[in-house]
């Protein structure tokens, strides 16, 4: 599967405030519309509620809460966002869209943390790996 080049104009540093680390907002989405349907900011799956708390390029953090508990503990899922090209099913056209990693990709494209600082460190690692140009090997 071919992944399109990163559309982020520049890599912005992460900011730290009194409450935790946050990604700096960009106007990237306002300047041109992405041709890929973005991942939802919030969704529910398998008894858990997920909410995107940060995104940097092709990496994001979702907080994960179990919906079956009045006071659930929070985990953080750090993901590498992949994209799928559009395709045709009979008469219906499926538009290009972003993909949340499935369980088979966990450990490669998805990681779970109980510590928020560790999750943001992994987000920085993933976002740098996807935004820096590849290094060439010296002969």
Protein backbone atom coordinates (compact mmCIF):
# COMPACT_ATOMS: atom_id res chain seq x y z
CA UNK A 1 0.00 0.00 0.00
CA UNK A 2 1.36 3.39 -0.96
CA UNK A 3 1.07 6.18 1.59
CA UNK A 4 0.89 9.71 0.18
CA UNK A 5 3.57 12.16 1.32
CA UNK A 6 2.88 14.00 4.53
CA UNK A 7 0.87 17.17 3.91
CA UNK A 8 2.07 18.96 7.05
CA UNK A 9 3.77 22.22 6.08
CA UNK A 10 6.17 22.21 9.01
CA UNK A 11 6.82 20.28 12.16
CA UNK A 12 5.73 22.40 15.10
CA UNK A 13 7.03 21.91 18.62
CA UNK A 14 4.82 20.63 21.38
CA UNK A 15 3.88 23.08 24.09
CA UNK A 16 3.74 22.36 27.81
CA UNK A 17 1.26 24.20 29.98
CA UNK A 18 0.40 23.74 33.65
CA UNK A 19 -1.99 20.87 32.81
CA UNK A 20 0.03 18.76 30.38
CA UNK A 21 1.53 18.72 26.92
CA UNK A 22 -0.54 19.86 23.98
CA UNK A 23 0.10 20.04 20.26
CA UNK A 24 0.10 23.50 18.74
CA UNK A 25 -2.88 24.09 16.44
CA UNK A 26 -2.23 24.74 12.76
CA UNK A 27 -4.26 26.30 9.99
CA UNK A 28 -3.31 23.42 7.71
CA UNK A 29 -6.91 22.23 7.28
CA UNK A 30 -8.13 25.72 6.39
CA UNK A 31 -5.75 26.34 3.49
CA UNK A 32 -6.73 23.33 1.42
CA UNK A 33 -9.24 20.56 1.85
CA UNK A 34 -7.77 17.10 2.33
CA UNK A 35 -8.92 14.55 -0.18
CA UNK A 36 -9.12 11.93 2.60
CA UNK A 37 -12.05 11.74 4.99
CA UNK A 38 -10.43 12.37 8.40
CA UNK A 39 -10.73 10.06 11.38
CA UNK A 40 -13.57 11.03 13.72
CA UNK A 41 -12.65 13.18 16.73
CA UNK A 42 -14.84 10.94 18.93
CA UNK A 43 -16.24 7.43 18.50
CA UNK A 44 -17.34 4.34 20.44
CA UNK A 45 -16.20 0.78 19.82
CA UNK A 46 -16.33 -2.50 21.80
CA UNK A 47 -17.54 -0.85 25.03
CA UNK A 48 -14.97 1.97 24.94
CA UNK A 49 -15.30 5.68 24.18
CA UNK A 50 -12.43 7.29 22.27
CA UNK A 51 -11.68 11.01 21.99
CA UNK A 52 -8.85 12.58 19.99
CA UNK A 53 -6.79 14.82 22.27
CA UNK A 54 -3.85 15.59 19.96
CA UNK A 55 -2.81 15.24 16.36
CA UNK A 56 0.50 16.00 14.67
CA UNK A 57 0.66 15.17 10.97
CA UNK A 58 -0.02 11.45 10.53
CA UNK A 59 0.01 10.66 14.26
CA UNK A 60 -2.65 11.16 16.92
CA UNK A 61 -3.53 10.41 20.53
CA UNK A 62 -6.97 9.23 21.57
CA UNK A 63 -7.98 8.91 25.19
CA UNK A 64 -9.81 5.65 25.81
CA UNK A 65 -12.43 5.12 28.53
CA UNK A 66 -14.43 2.04 29.32
CA UNK A 67 -18.12 2.99 29.10
CA UNK A 68 -19.22 0.25 31.55
CA UNK A 69 -17.76 2.02 34.60
CA UNK A 70 -18.93 5.16 36.43
CA UNK A 71 -15.33 6.32 37.02
CA UNK A 72 -13.17 4.59 34.41
CA UNK A 73 -9.40 4.81 34.34
CA UNK A 74 -8.05 6.52 31.23
CA UNK A 75 -5.65 4.96 28.76
CA UNK A 76 -4.08 6.69 25.78
CA UNK A 77 -3.84 5.17 22.32
CA UNK A 78 -1.12 6.64 20.14
CA UNK A 79 -1.66 5.82 16.49
CA UNK A 80 0.06 6.19 13.15
CA UNK A 81 -2.68 7.24 10.76
CA UNK A 82 -2.77 5.38 7.45
CA UNK A 83 -4.80 6.27 4.38
CA UNK A 84 -6.83 4.20 1.96
CA UNK A 85 -7.48 5.28 -1.59
CA UNK A 86 -11.03 5.47 -2.88
CA UNK A 87 -12.58 2.56 -4.74
CA UNK A 88 -15.74 1.43 -6.53
CA UNK A 89 -18.26 -1.18 -5.34
CA UNK A 90 -20.76 -1.70 -8.12
CA UNK A 91 -22.41 1.68 -8.66
CA UNK A 92 -21.20 3.11 -5.35
CA UNK A 93 -17.97 5.14 -5.09
CA UNK A 94 -16.15 4.93 -1.73
CA UNK A 95 -14.16 8.12 -1.12
CA UNK A 96 -10.54 8.05 0.18
CA UNK A 97 -10.34 7.94 3.98
CA UNK A 98 -8.00 7.73 6.96
CA UNK A 99 -7.66 4.46 8.86
CA UNK A 100 -7.38 3.78 12.61
CA UNK A 101 -5.05 0.77 13.10
CA UNK A 102 -6.69 -2.62 13.66
CA UNK A 103 -5.54 -5.07 16.34
CA UNK A 104 -3.16 -6.82 13.89
CA UNK A 105 -1.23 -3.53 13.48
CA UNK A 106 -0.88 -2.93 17.24
CA UNK A 107 2.75 -2.55 18.23
CA UNK A 108 3.58 -1.17 14.77
CA UNK A 109 0.93 1.50 14.06
CA UNK A 110 -0.80 1.65 17.46
CA UNK A 111 0.37 1.77 21.07
CA UNK A 112 -1.47 1.92 24.41
CA UNK A 113 -0.19 3.88 27.40
CA UNK A 114 -1.53 4.53 30.89
CA UNK A 115 0.78 7.53 31.33
CA UNK A 116 -0.08 10.71 29.41
CA UNK A 117 3.55 11.95 29.24
CA UNK A 118 4.68 8.62 27.76
CA UNK A 119 1.89 8.84 25.19
CA UNK A 120 3.00 12.33 24.12
CA UNK A 121 6.62 11.17 23.89
CA UNK A 122 5.50 8.38 21.52
CA UNK A 123 3.43 10.89 19.52
CA UNK A 124 6.55 13.04 19.05
CA UNK A 125 8.55 9.96 18.00
CA UNK A 126 5.95 8.88 15.42
CA UNK A 127 5.33 12.37 14.05
CA UNK A 128 9.08 13.00 13.60
CA UNK A 129 9.50 9.64 11.86
CA UNK A 130 6.74 10.50 9.38
CA UNK A 131 7.74 14.14 8.72
CA UNK A 132 11.53 13.96 8.39
CA UNK A 133 12.93 13.08 4.98
CA UNK A 134 14.60 9.66 4.79
CA UNK A 135 18.32 9.69 5.42
CA UNK A 136 20.61 8.40 2.73
CA UNK A 137 23.21 5.78 3.55
CA UNK A 138 26.82 6.83 3.12
CA UNK A 139 28.91 4.64 0.78
